[in-house]
Amino acid sequence: MPEPARRRTFSWTSPADAWPADGTLSGLEVLRRAVNGSLPAPPMAELMGMSMVEVQEGRAVFALHPAEWMYNPSGSVHGGVAATLLDSCMGCAVHSTLAAGVGYTTTDLHVRYTRAMRTDTGRVLAEGTAVHVGRRMATAEGRLIVEASGELLAHASTGCIILG
């Protein structure tokens, strides 16, 4: 007899209501507030179960515990989870360098996968580092590792356009 279907629910706070939109805080100040919990996690982070655990100028680190609901048909975590983590940490690394009122968006993302991720992998960390931040364009690099062993799961690079 097949197992009953599993269910998953989540809730979130409207980013329009919770995140400062008045342009008075630098990217680093906004991200520091997210890390210390004075700003709620964005809806995407709530959905994925990921959290930003460190931020400093030009660097951001996210953490996630791989879960069964993230699996693809081959029995490992879908590559989109790794891509989301890497896009997030690299984008936030860029964001941490931006002045108040200046934003960004990803223009491209290149991910190389080196190992499969599963529930028994344990907590993973995605570290993003800004490589270049100019007036109109920024680039960053990211690495996704197993926290316990330091094994590399994936690495990536991105481009971001600077807005504002």
C-alpha atoms as a PDB file:
ATOM      1  CA  MET A   1       0.000   0.000   0.000  1.00  0.00           C
ATOM      2  CA  PRO A   2       1.472   3.414  -0.945  1.00  0.00           C
ATOM      3  CA  GLU A   3       2.307   5.925   1.761  1.00  0.00           C
ATOM      4  CA  PRO A   4      -0.103   8.843   2.146  1.00  0.00           C
ATOM      5  CA  ALA A   5       0.941  12.039   0.408  1.00  0.00           C
ATOM      6  CA  ARG A   6       3.160  14.328   2.413  1.00  0.00           C
ATOM      7  CA  ARG A   7       2.171  17.980   2.819  1.00  0.00           C
ATOM      8  CA  ARG A   8       4.147  21.146   3.345  1.00  0.00           C
ATOM      9  CA  THR A   9       2.911  24.645   4.143  1.00  0.00           C
ATOM     10  CA  PHE A  10       4.638  27.915   4.869  1.00  0.00           C
ATOM     11  CA  SER A  11       3.797  31.494   5.696  1.00  0.00           C
ATOM     12  CA  TRP A  12       5.507  34.775   5.000  1.00  0.00           C
ATOM     13  CA  THR A  13       5.387  38.487   5.603  1.00  0.00           C
ATOM     14  CA  SER A  14       4.685  40.802   2.689  1.00  0.00           C
ATOM     15  CA  PRO A  15       8.025  42.291   1.642  1.00  0.00           C
ATOM     16  CA  ALA A  16       6.231  45.491   0.606  1.00  0.00           C
ATOM     17  CA  ASP A  17       5.072  45.916   4.204  1.00  0.00           C
ATOM     18  CA  ALA A  18       8.223  44.758   5.992  1.00  0.00           C
ATOM     19  CA  TRP A  19      11.288  45.767   3.986  1.00  0.00           C
ATOM     20  CA  PRO A  20      12.430  49.414   3.927  1.00  0.00           C
ATOM     21  CA  ALA A  21      11.614  50.948   0.555  1.00  0.00           C
ATOM     22  CA  ASP A  22      12.447  54.555   1.345  1.00  0.00           C
ATOM     23  CA  GLY A  23      16.068  54.304   0.197  1.00  0.00           C
ATOM     24  CA  THR A  24      17.556  55.421   3.517  1.00  0.00           C
ATOM     25  CA  LEU A  25      19.516  52.228   4.270  1.00  0.00           C
ATOM     26  CA  SER A  26      22.537  50.932   2.369  1.00  0.00           C
ATOM     27  CA  GLY A  27      22.450  47.390   1.028  1.00  0.00           C
ATOM     28  CA  LEU A  28      24.735  46.262   3.852  1.00  0.00           C
ATOM     29  CA  GLU A  29      22.494  47.854   6.500  1.00  0.00           C
ATOM     30  CA  VAL A  30      19.388  46.146   5.084  1.00  0.00           C
ATOM     31  CA  LEU A  31      21.122  42.762   4.914  1.00  0.00           C
ATOM     32  CA  ARG A  32      22.518  43.077   8.451  1.00  0.00           C
ATOM     33  CA  ARG A  33      18.973  43.649   9.680  1.00  0.00           C
ATOM     34  CA  ALA A  34      17.852  40.530   7.829  1.00  0.00           C
ATOM     35  CA  VAL A  35      20.623  38.469   9.468  1.00  0.00           C
ATOM     36  CA  ASN A  36      19.882  39.748  12.990  1.00  0.00           C
ATOM     37  CA  GLY A  37      16.138  39.116  12.545  1.00  0.00           C
ATOM     38  CA  SER A  38      14.914  42.709  12.742  1.00  0.00           C
ATOM     39  CA  LEU A  39      13.632  42.279   9.165  1.00  0.00           C
ATOM     40  CA  PRO A  40      11.668  39.143   8.228  1.00  0.00           C
ATOM     41  CA  ALA A  41      13.016  36.708   5.676  1.00  0.00           C
ATOM     42  CA  PRO A  42      11.844  37.307   2.100  1.00  0.00           C
ATOM     43  CA  PRO A  43       9.069  34.961   0.891  1.00  0.00           C
ATOM     44  CA  MET A  44      11.492  32.970  -1.304  1.00  0.00           C
ATOM     45  CA  ALA A  45      13.723  32.245   1.706  1.00  0.00           C
ATOM     46  CA  GLU A  46      10.682  31.090   3.712  1.00  0.00           C
ATOM     47  CA  LEU A  47       9.579  28.830   0.854  1.00  0.00           C
ATOM     48  CA  MET A  48      13.017  27.245   0.469  1.00  0.00           C
ATOM     49  CA  GLY A  49      13.839  27.066   4.177  1.00  0.00           C
ATOM     50  CA  MET A  50      17.085  28.977   3.658  1.00  0.00           C
ATOM     51  CA  SER A  51      18.533  31.737   5.783  1.00  0.00           C
ATOM     52  CA  MET A  52      21.279  34.308   5.467  1.00  0.00           C
ATOM     53  CA  VAL A  53      23.683  33.576   8.312  1.00  0.00           C
ATOM     54  CA  GLU A  54      26.509  36.055   7.606  1.00  0.00           C
ATOM     55  CA  VAL A  55      26.976  39.282   5.718  1.00  0.00           C
ATOM     56  CA  GLN A  56      29.790  41.772   5.376  1.00  0.00           C
ATOM     57  CA  GLU A  57      30.697  44.153   2.602  1.00  0.00           C
ATOM     58  CA  GLY A  58      31.150  42.091  -0.567  1.00  0.00           C
ATOM     59  CA  ARG A  59      30.296  38.733   1.053  1.00  0.00           C
ATOM     60  CA  ALA A  60      27.105  36.872   2.020  1.00  0.00           C
ATOM     61  CA  VAL A  61      26.533  33.342   3.341  1.00  0.00           C
ATOM     62  CA  PHE A  62      23.266  31.383   3.233  1.00  0.00           C
ATOM     63  CA  ALA A  63      22.464  28.074   4.970  1.00  0.00           C
ATOM     64  CA  LEU A  64      19.962  25.352   4.169  1.00  0.00           C
ATOM     65  CA  HIS A  65      19.122  21.838   5.356  1.00  0.00           C
ATOM     66  CA  PRO A  66      18.279  19.725   2.255  1.00  0.00           C
ATOM     67  CA  ALA A  67      14.819  18.176   2.564  1.00  0.00           C
ATOM     68  CA  GLU A  68      12.935  15.362   0.862  1.00  0.00           C
ATOM     69  CA  TRP A  69      10.395  17.748  -0.702  1.00  0.00           C
ATOM     70  CA  MET A  70      13.306  19.189  -2.740  1.00  0.00           C
ATOM     71  CA  TYR A  71      14.007  15.843  -4.450  1.00  0.00           C
ATOM     72  CA  ASN A  72      13.872  15.217  -8.189  1.00  0.00           C
ATOM     73  CA  PRO A  73      12.948  11.832  -9.740  1.00  0.00           C
ATOM     74  CA  SER A  74      16.563  10.579  -9.509  1.00  0.00           C
ATOM     75  CA  GLY A  75      16.522  10.702  -5.699  1.00  0.00           C
ATOM     76  CA  SER A  76      18.628  13.790  -5.060  1.00  0.00           C
ATOM     77  CA  VAL A  77      17.909  17.451  -4.411  1.00  0.00           C
ATOM     78  CA  HIS A  78      16.889  19.281  -7.584  1.00  0.00           C
ATOM     79  CA  GLY A  79      19.669  21.424  -9.056  1.00  0.00           C
ATOM     80  CA  GLY A  80      17.401  24.450  -8.903  1.00  0.00           C
ATOM     81  CA  VAL A  81      17.792  24.466  -5.117  1.00  0.00           C
ATOM     82  CA  ALA A  82      21.572  24.844  -5.440  1.00  0.00           C
ATOM     83  CA  ALA A  83      21.093  27.471  -8.159  1.00  0.00           C
ATOM     84  CA  THR A  84      18.696  29.419  -5.922  1.00  0.00           C
ATOM     85  CA  LEU A  85      21.129  29.351  -3.009  1.00  0.00           C
ATOM     86  CA  LEU A  86      24.015  30.465  -5.215  1.00  0.00           C
ATOM     87  CA  ASP A  87      21.984  33.194  -6.934  1.00  0.00           C
ATOM     88  CA  SER A  88      20.909  34.467  -3.509  1.00  0.00           C
ATOM     89  CA  CYS A  89      24.348  34.540  -1.877  1.00  0.00           C
ATOM     90  CA  MET A  90      26.022  36.127  -4.906  1.00  0.00           C
ATOM     91  CA  GLY A  91      23.263  38.716  -5.341  1.00  0.00           C
ATOM     92  CA  CYS A  92      23.407  39.627  -1.666  1.00  0.00           C
ATOM     93  CA  ALA A  93      27.209  39.896  -1.854  1.00  0.00           C
ATOM     94  CA  VAL A  94      26.691  42.513  -4.565  1.00  0.00           C
ATOM     95  CA  HIS A  95      23.803  44.143  -2.660  1.00  0.00           C
ATOM     96  CA  SER A  96      26.038  44.524   0.408  1.00  0.00           C
ATOM     97  CA  THR A  97      28.270  46.920  -1.559  1.00  0.00           C
ATOM     98  CA  LEU A  98      25.497  49.214  -2.779  1.00  0.00           C
ATOM     99  CA  ALA A  99      24.587  52.650  -1.441  1.00  0.00           C
ATOM    100  CA  ALA A 100      21.165  53.541  -0.067  1.00  0.00           C
ATOM    101  CA  GLY A 101      18.515  53.634  -2.773  1.00  0.00           C
ATOM    102  CA  VAL A 102      20.537  51.520  -5.229  1.00  0.00           C
ATOM    103  CA  GLY A 103      19.342  48.053  -6.247  1.00  0.00           C
ATOM    104  CA  TYR A 104      20.386  45.249  -8.562  1.00  0.00           C
ATOM    105  CA  THR A 105      19.021  42.313 -10.486  1.00  0.00           C
ATOM    106  CA  THR A 106      20.674  39.193 -11.877  1.00  0.00           C
ATOM    107  CA  THR A 107      21.469  39.265 -15.597  1.00  0.00           C
ATOM    108  CA  ASP A 108      22.989  35.787 -15.886  1.00  0.00           C
ATOM    109  CA  LEU A 109      23.849  32.796 -13.742  1.00  0.00           C
ATOM    110  CA  HIS A 110      26.310  30.014 -14.535  1.00  0.00           C
ATOM    111  CA  VAL A 111      26.329  26.992 -12.193  1.00  0.00           C
ATOM    112  CA  ARG A 112      28.633  23.974 -12.210  1.00  0.00           C
ATOM    113  CA  TYR A 113      27.486  21.000 -10.112  1.00  0.00           C
ATOM    114  CA  THR A 114      30.160  18.720  -8.622  1.00  0.00           C
ATOM    115  CA  ARG A 115      28.217  16.444  -6.233  1.00  0.00           C
ATOM    116  CA  ALA A 116      24.619  15.471  -5.549  1.00  0.00           C
ATOM    117  CA  MET A 117      22.846  16.864  -2.507  1.00  0.00           C
ATOM    118  CA  ARG A 118      20.538  14.660  -0.405  1.00  0.00           C
ATOM    119  CA  THR A 119      18.828  14.837   2.964  1.00  0.00           C
ATOM    120  CA  ASP A 120      21.756  12.985   4.573  1.00  0.00           C
ATOM    121  CA  THR A 121      24.193  15.613   3.217  1.00  0.00           C
ATOM    122  CA  GLY A 122      23.430  17.773   6.244  1.00  0.00           C
ATOM    123  CA  ARG A 123      23.414  21.529   6.360  1.00  0.00           C
ATOM    124  CA  VAL A 124      24.934  23.260   3.353  1.00  0.00           C
ATOM    125  CA  LEU A 125      26.432  26.740   3.091  1.00  0.00           C
ATOM    126  CA  ALA A 126      26.434  28.980   0.030  1.00  0.00           C
ATOM    127  CA  GLU A 127      29.059  31.723   0.124  1.00  0.00           C
ATOM    128  CA  GLY A 128      28.954  34.578  -2.361  1.00  0.00           C
ATOM    129  CA  THR A 129      31.725  37.081  -2.982  1.00  0.00           C
ATOM    130  CA  ALA A 130      31.519  40.230  -5.075  1.00  0.00           C
ATOM    131  CA  VAL A 131      34.296  40.264  -7.673  1.00  0.00           C
ATOM    132  CA  HIS A 132      33.592  43.597  -9.394  1.00  0.00           C
ATOM    133  CA  VAL A 133      31.069  46.314  -8.631  1.00  0.00           C
ATOM    134  CA  GLY A 134      30.941  49.184 -11.086  1.00  0.00           C
ATOM    135  CA  ARG A 135      28.425  51.934 -11.781  1.00  0.00           C
ATOM    136  CA  ARG A 136      26.241  49.786 -14.076  1.00  0.00           C
ATOM    137  CA  MET A 137      27.370  46.186 -13.742  1.00  0.00           C
ATOM    138  CA  ALA A 138      28.634  43.843 -11.029  1.00  0.00           C
ATOM    139  CA  THR A 139      29.966  40.291 -10.999  1.00  0.00           C
ATOM    140  CA  ALA A 140      30.208  37.746  -8.209  1.00  0.00           C
ATOM    141  CA  GLU A 141      31.321  34.180  -7.533  1.00  0.00           C
ATOM    142  CA  GLY A 142      29.766  31.578  -5.265  1.00  0.00           C
ATOM    143  CA  ARG A 143      30.538  28.223  -3.715  1.00  0.00           C
ATOM    144  CA  LEU A 144      28.084  25.718  -2.217  1.00  0.00           C
ATOM    145  CA  ILE A 145      29.675  23.387   0.339  1.00  0.00           C
ATOM    146  CA  VAL A 146      28.706  20.749   2.887  1.00  0.00           C
ATOM    147  CA  GLU A 147      29.132  22.510   6.234  1.00  0.00           C
ATOM    148  CA  ALA A 148      30.443  19.463   8.116  1.00  0.00           C
ATOM    149  CA  SER A 149      33.095  18.365   5.610  1.00  0.00           C
ATOM    150  CA  GLY A 150      33.750  21.365   3.378  1.00  0.00           C
ATOM    151  CA  GLU A 151      33.038  19.233   0.280  1.00  0.00           C
ATOM    152  CA  LEU A 152      32.196  21.309  -2.777  1.00  0.00           C
ATOM    153  CA  LEU A 153      28.696  20.660  -4.169  1.00  0.00           C
ATOM    154  CA  ALA A 154      28.595  23.422  -6.796  1.00  0.00           C
ATOM    155  CA  HIS A 155      30.205  26.685  -7.784  1.00  0.00           C
ATOM    156  CA  ALA A 156      28.872  29.578  -9.813  1.00  0.00           C
ATOM    157  CA  SER A 157      29.361  33.011 -11.276  1.00  0.00           C
ATOM    158  CA  THR A 158      26.860  35.760 -11.972  1.00  0.00           C
ATOM    159  CA  GLY A 159      26.406  39.149 -13.513  1.00  0.00           C
ATOM    160  CA  CYS A 160      24.136  41.799 -12.047  1.00  0.00           C
ATOM    161  CA  ILE A 161      22.898  45.075 -13.452  1.00  0.00           C
ATOM    162  CA  ILE A 162      22.961  47.982 -10.994  1.00  0.00           C
ATOM    163  CA  LEU A 163      19.633  49.823 -10.737  1.00  0.00           C
ATOM    164  CA  GLY A 164      19.310  53.396  -9.532  1.00  0.00           C
END
